[in-house]
Amino acid sequence: MEEKVDVGKVARAAKVRLDAAEAARFSWEIEGILENFQKLGEVDVEGIEPSFNPLRAKAELREDVPAPFDFDPFANARFVFKRKIVGPKVLGE
């Protein structure tokens, strides 16, 4: 493989902490995965139809009919106000 994978950057993006041994192992594994994708990219698929095409897939939808709960959806909520679950503000001020 031409480029080394920056495992530290990937771990930070995934919000995962890795020690040196884990980083070395994952670096080796990620490079192997990328090499396999590179090999797949070299396969000549000209004229071959894809086995799955999402544009031709037909969505089978059921009718959306409201139904009563057979349980209390607020039973485990810490804070409920006017039948709405209240949580901490996480975005903006």
N, C-alpha and C. Protein backbone atom coordinates (compact mmCIF):
# COMPACT_ATOMS: atom_id res chain seq x y z
N MET A 1 0.84 -1.17 0.00
CA MET A 1 0.00 0.00 0.00
C MET A 1 0.89 1.23 0.00
N GLU A 2 0.47 2.26 -0.71
CA GLU A 2 1.31 3.44 -0.86
C GLU A 2 1.29 4.36 0.36
N GLU A 3 0.12 4.56 0.95
CA GLU A 3 0.00 5.47 2.09
C GLU A 3 -0.24 4.69 3.37
N LYS A 4 0.32 5.19 4.45
CA LYS A 4 0.06 4.61 5.76
C LYS A 4 -1.23 5.19 6.31
N VAL A 5 -1.98 4.36 7.00
CA VAL A 5 -3.23 4.80 7.62
C VAL A 5 -2.89 5.48 8.94
N ASP A 6 -3.45 6.66 9.16
CA ASP A 6 -3.26 7.36 10.42
C ASP A 6 -4.29 6.83 11.42
N VAL A 7 -3.93 5.78 12.14
CA VAL A 7 -4.86 5.12 13.06
C VAL A 7 -5.27 6.07 14.17
N GLY A 8 -4.37 6.94 14.61
CA GLY A 8 -4.71 7.91 15.64
C GLY A 8 -5.83 8.82 15.19
N LYS A 9 -5.77 9.28 13.94
CA LYS A 9 -6.81 10.16 13.40
C LYS A 9 -8.15 9.42 13.31
N VAL A 10 -8.10 8.16 12.85
CA VAL A 10 -9.32 7.36 12.76
C VAL A 10 -9.90 7.13 14.15
N ALA A 11 -9.05 6.83 15.12
CA ALA A 11 -9.52 6.59 16.49
C ALA A 11 -10.14 7.85 17.09
N ARG A 12 -9.51 9.00 16.85
CA ARG A 12 -10.09 10.25 17.37
C ARG A 12 -11.44 10.54 16.73
N ALA A 13 -11.56 10.29 15.43
CA ALA A 13 -12.84 10.52 14.74
C ALA A 13 -13.92 9.59 15.28
N ALA A 14 -13.52 8.37 15.65
CA ALA A 14 -14.47 7.40 16.20
C ALA A 14 -14.64 7.55 17.70
N LYS A 15 -13.89 8.49 18.28
CA LYS A 15 -13.92 8.72 19.74
C LYS A 15 -13.57 7.44 20.51
N VAL A 16 -12.46 6.82 20.07
CA VAL A 16 -11.96 5.60 20.69
C VAL A 16 -10.53 5.83 21.13
N ARG A 17 -10.19 5.36 22.32
CA ARG A 17 -8.81 5.45 22.79
C ARG A 17 -8.10 4.12 22.52
N LEU A 18 -6.91 4.21 21.92
CA LEU A 18 -6.12 3.02 21.63
C LEU A 18 -4.74 3.18 22.25
N ASP A 19 -4.24 2.09 22.85
CA ASP A 19 -2.85 2.14 23.30
C ASP A 19 -1.96 1.79 22.10
N ALA A 20 -0.64 1.81 22.29
CA ALA A 20 0.30 1.61 21.18
C ALA A 20 0.12 0.24 20.52
N ALA A 21 -0.08 -0.80 21.32
CA ALA A 21 -0.24 -2.16 20.77
C ALA A 21 -1.52 -2.26 19.95
N GLU A 22 -2.61 -1.68 20.47
CA GLU A 22 -3.88 -1.71 19.73
C GLU A 22 -3.77 -0.91 18.43
N ALA A 23 -3.10 0.23 18.50
CA ALA A 23 -2.94 1.06 17.30
C ALA A 23 -2.14 0.32 16.24
N ALA A 24 -1.10 -0.38 16.65
CA ALA A 24 -0.29 -1.14 15.68
C ALA A 24 -1.11 -2.25 15.05
N ARG A 25 -1.90 -2.96 15.87
CA ARG A 25 -2.72 -4.06 15.36
C ARG A 25 -3.79 -3.53 14.39
N PHE A 26 -4.47 -2.45 14.79
CA PHE A 26 -5.51 -1.91 13.93
C PHE A 26 -4.93 -1.31 12.66
N SER A 27 -3.75 -0.73 12.74
CA SER A 27 -3.11 -0.19 11.54
C SER A 27 -2.89 -1.31 10.53
N TRP A 28 -2.39 -2.43 11.01
CA TRP A 28 -2.15 -3.59 10.14
C TRP A 28 -3.47 -4.11 9.55
N GLU A 29 -4.51 -4.19 10.38
CA GLU A 29 -5.80 -4.68 9.91
C GLU A 29 -6.43 -3.73 8.89
N ILE A 30 -6.38 -2.43 9.15
CA ILE A 30 -6.97 -1.45 8.23
C ILE A 30 -6.24 -1.46 6.90
N GLU A 31 -4.91 -1.55 6.94
CA GLU A 31 -4.15 -1.60 5.70
C GLU A 31 -4.51 -2.83 4.88
N GLY A 32 -4.73 -3.96 5.55
CA GLY A 32 -5.16 -5.18 4.86
C GLY A 32 -6.51 -5.01 4.20
N ILE A 33 -7.43 -4.38 4.91
CA ILE A 33 -8.76 -4.13 4.36
C ILE A 33 -8.67 -3.22 3.13
N LEU A 34 -7.88 -2.16 3.24
CA LEU A 34 -7.74 -1.23 2.11
C LEU A 34 -7.07 -1.90 0.91
N GLU A 35 -6.13 -2.80 1.16
CA GLU A 35 -5.50 -3.55 0.07
C GLU A 35 -6.53 -4.43 -0.64
N ASN A 36 -7.43 -5.03 0.13
CA ASN A 36 -8.48 -5.85 -0.48
C ASN A 36 -9.41 -5.01 -1.34
N PHE A 37 -9.76 -3.80 -0.86
CA PHE A 37 -10.59 -2.92 -1.67
C PHE A 37 -9.86 -2.48 -2.93
N GLN A 38 -8.55 -2.30 -2.83
CA GLN A 38 -7.77 -1.91 -4.00
C GLN A 38 -7.81 -3.05 -5.03
N LYS A 39 -7.70 -4.29 -4.58
CA LYS A 39 -7.78 -5.44 -5.49
C LYS A 39 -9.17 -5.50 -6.14
N LEU A 40 -10.21 -5.24 -5.37
CA LEU A 40 -11.56 -5.23 -5.93
C LEU A 40 -11.70 -4.16 -7.00
N GLY A 41 -11.05 -3.03 -6.78
CA GLY A 41 -11.11 -1.95 -7.75
C GLY A 41 -10.43 -2.28 -9.07
N GLU A 42 -9.54 -3.26 -9.07
CA GLU A 42 -8.81 -3.65 -10.27
C GLU A 42 -9.58 -4.65 -11.13
N VAL A 43 -10.68 -5.20 -10.62
CA VAL A 43 -11.46 -6.19 -11.34
C VAL A 43 -12.23 -5.52 -12.46
N ASP A 44 -12.18 -6.13 -13.66
CA ASP A 44 -12.91 -5.59 -14.81
C ASP A 44 -14.37 -6.02 -14.72
N VAL A 45 -15.25 -5.07 -14.49
CA VAL A 45 -16.68 -5.36 -14.35
C VAL A 45 -17.48 -4.76 -15.51
N GLU A 46 -16.82 -4.41 -16.58
CA GLU A 46 -17.49 -3.82 -17.74
C GLU A 46 -18.54 -4.79 -18.27
N GLY A 47 -19.77 -4.30 -18.39
CA GLY A 47 -20.85 -5.11 -18.95
C GLY A 47 -21.53 -6.05 -17.96
N ILE A 48 -21.10 -6.04 -16.72
CA ILE A 48 -21.71 -6.92 -15.71
C ILE A 48 -22.75 -6.12 -14.93
N GLU A 49 -23.98 -6.64 -14.91
CA GLU A 49 -25.05 -5.98 -14.16
C GLU A 49 -24.83 -6.16 -12.67
N PRO A 50 -25.10 -5.12 -11.88
CA PRO A 50 -24.99 -5.28 -10.44
C PRO A 50 -26.03 -6.28 -9.93
N SER A 51 -25.68 -7.00 -8.88
CA SER A 51 -26.61 -7.99 -8.34
C SER A 51 -27.72 -7.32 -7.55
N PHE A 52 -27.52 -6.08 -7.15
CA PHE A 52 -28.54 -5.34 -6.42
C PHE A 52 -28.54 -3.92 -6.93
N ASN A 53 -29.71 -3.41 -7.25
CA ASN A 53 -29.84 -2.05 -7.70
C ASN A 53 -30.92 -1.38 -6.86
N PRO A 54 -30.55 -0.44 -5.99
CA PRO A 54 -31.56 0.17 -5.12
C PRO A 54 -32.62 0.95 -5.88
N LEU A 55 -32.33 1.38 -7.10
CA LEU A 55 -33.32 2.11 -7.86
C LEU A 55 -34.44 1.21 -8.36
N ARG A 56 -34.14 -0.08 -8.52
CA ARG A 56 -35.16 -1.01 -8.98
C ARG A 56 -35.83 -1.75 -7.82
N ALA A 57 -35.34 -1.57 -6.62
CA ALA A 57 -35.92 -2.25 -5.46
C ALA A 57 -37.28 -1.62 -5.15
N LYS A 58 -38.24 -2.47 -4.88
CA LYS A 58 -39.58 -1.97 -4.57
C LYS A 58 -39.75 -1.98 -3.06
N ALA A 59 -40.07 -0.85 -2.52
CA ALA A 59 -40.28 -0.75 -1.08
C ALA A 59 -41.67 -1.30 -0.75
N GLU A 60 -41.71 -2.21 0.18
CA GLU A 60 -42.98 -2.76 0.62
C GLU A 60 -43.33 -2.09 1.93
N LEU A 61 -44.28 -1.17 1.86
CA LEU A 61 -44.66 -0.41 3.04
C LEU A 61 -46.01 -0.87 3.56
N ARG A 62 -46.14 -0.88 4.85
CA ARG A 62 -47.43 -1.19 5.45
C ARG A 62 -48.16 0.13 5.68
N GLU A 63 -49.46 0.03 5.84
CA GLU A 63 -50.24 1.22 6.12
C GLU A 63 -49.86 1.73 7.51
N ASP A 64 -49.69 3.03 7.63
CA ASP A 64 -49.31 3.64 8.90
C ASP A 64 -50.57 3.93 9.71
N VAL A 65 -50.86 3.02 10.64
CA VAL A 65 -52.07 3.15 11.46
C VAL A 65 -51.63 3.30 12.91
N PRO A 66 -52.05 4.41 13.55
CA PRO A 66 -51.68 4.56 14.97
C PRO A 66 -52.34 3.49 15.82
N ALA A 67 -51.59 3.02 16.79
CA ALA A 67 -52.11 1.99 17.70
C ALA A 67 -51.72 2.38 19.12
N PRO A 68 -52.54 2.02 20.07
CA PRO A 68 -52.20 2.36 21.46
C PRO A 68 -51.02 1.51 21.95
N PHE A 69 -50.24 2.08 22.87
CA PHE A 69 -49.15 1.34 23.48
C PHE A 69 -49.72 0.36 24.49
N ASP A 70 -49.07 -0.78 24.62
CA ASP A 70 -49.47 -1.71 25.67
C ASP A 70 -48.52 -1.59 26.86
N PHE A 71 -47.78 -0.48 26.89
CA PHE A 71 -46.86 -0.19 27.99
C PHE A 71 -46.78 1.33 28.14
N ASP A 72 -46.20 1.79 29.22
CA ASP A 72 -46.03 3.22 29.43
C ASP A 72 -44.69 3.66 28.84
N PRO A 73 -44.69 4.40 27.73
CA PRO A 73 -43.43 4.79 27.09
C PRO A 73 -42.60 5.75 27.94
N PHE A 74 -43.18 6.32 28.97
CA PHE A 74 -42.46 7.28 29.81
C PHE A 74 -42.00 6.66 31.13
N ALA A 75 -42.21 5.38 31.32
CA ALA A 75 -41.93 4.73 32.61
C ALA A 75 -40.47 4.86 33.04
N ASN A 76 -39.54 4.79 32.11
CA ASN A 76 -38.12 4.82 32.46
C ASN A 76 -37.46 6.18 32.23
N ALA A 77 -38.23 7.17 31.80
CA ALA A 77 -37.67 8.50 31.56
C ALA A 77 -37.45 9.21 32.89
N ARG A 78 -36.32 9.88 33.02
CA ARG A 78 -36.02 10.61 34.26
C ARG A 78 -36.89 11.83 34.43
N PHE A 79 -37.06 12.59 33.33
CA PHE A 79 -37.83 13.83 33.40
C PHE A 79 -38.88 13.84 32.29
N VAL A 80 -40.13 14.00 32.70
CA VAL A 80 -41.23 14.07 31.75
C VAL A 80 -42.01 15.34 32.04
N PHE A 81 -42.30 16.11 30.98
CA PHE A 81 -43.07 17.33 31.12
C PHE A 81 -44.14 17.34 30.03
N LYS A 82 -45.40 17.37 30.42
CA LYS A 82 -46.53 17.37 29.49
C LYS A 82 -46.41 16.23 28.47
N ARG A 83 -46.15 15.02 29.00
CA ARG A 83 -46.01 13.80 28.18
C ARG A 83 -44.92 13.91 27.12
N LYS A 84 -43.86 14.63 27.44
CA LYS A 84 -42.68 14.71 26.58
C LYS A 84 -41.46 14.44 27.43
N ILE A 85 -40.51 13.69 26.89
CA ILE A 85 -39.28 13.39 27.61
C ILE A 85 -38.36 14.59 27.51
N VAL A 86 -37.85 15.06 28.64
CA VAL A 86 -37.00 16.23 28.70
C VAL A 86 -35.56 15.78 28.92
N GLY A 87 -34.65 16.32 28.12
CA GLY A 87 -33.24 15.98 28.25
C GLY A 87 -32.41 17.25 28.28
N PRO A 88 -31.11 17.11 28.53
CA PRO A 88 -30.25 18.31 28.59
C PRO A 88 -30.07 18.91 27.21
N LYS A 89 -29.88 20.22 27.17
CA LYS A 89 -29.61 20.93 25.94
C LYS A 89 -28.19 20.61 25.51
N VAL A 90 -27.99 20.17 24.27
CA VAL A 90 -26.65 19.79 23.85
C VAL A 90 -26.11 20.66 22.72
N LEU A 91 -26.98 21.37 22.01
CA LEU A 91 -26.52 22.22 20.90
C LEU A 91 -26.90 23.67 21.17
N GLY A 92 -26.00 24.56 20.83
CA GLY A 92 -26.29 25.98 20.96
C GLY A 92 -26.48 26.43 22.39
N GLU A 93 -26.97 27.62 22.53
CA GLU A 93 -27.20 28.16 23.87
C GLU A 93 -28.64 28.40 24.14
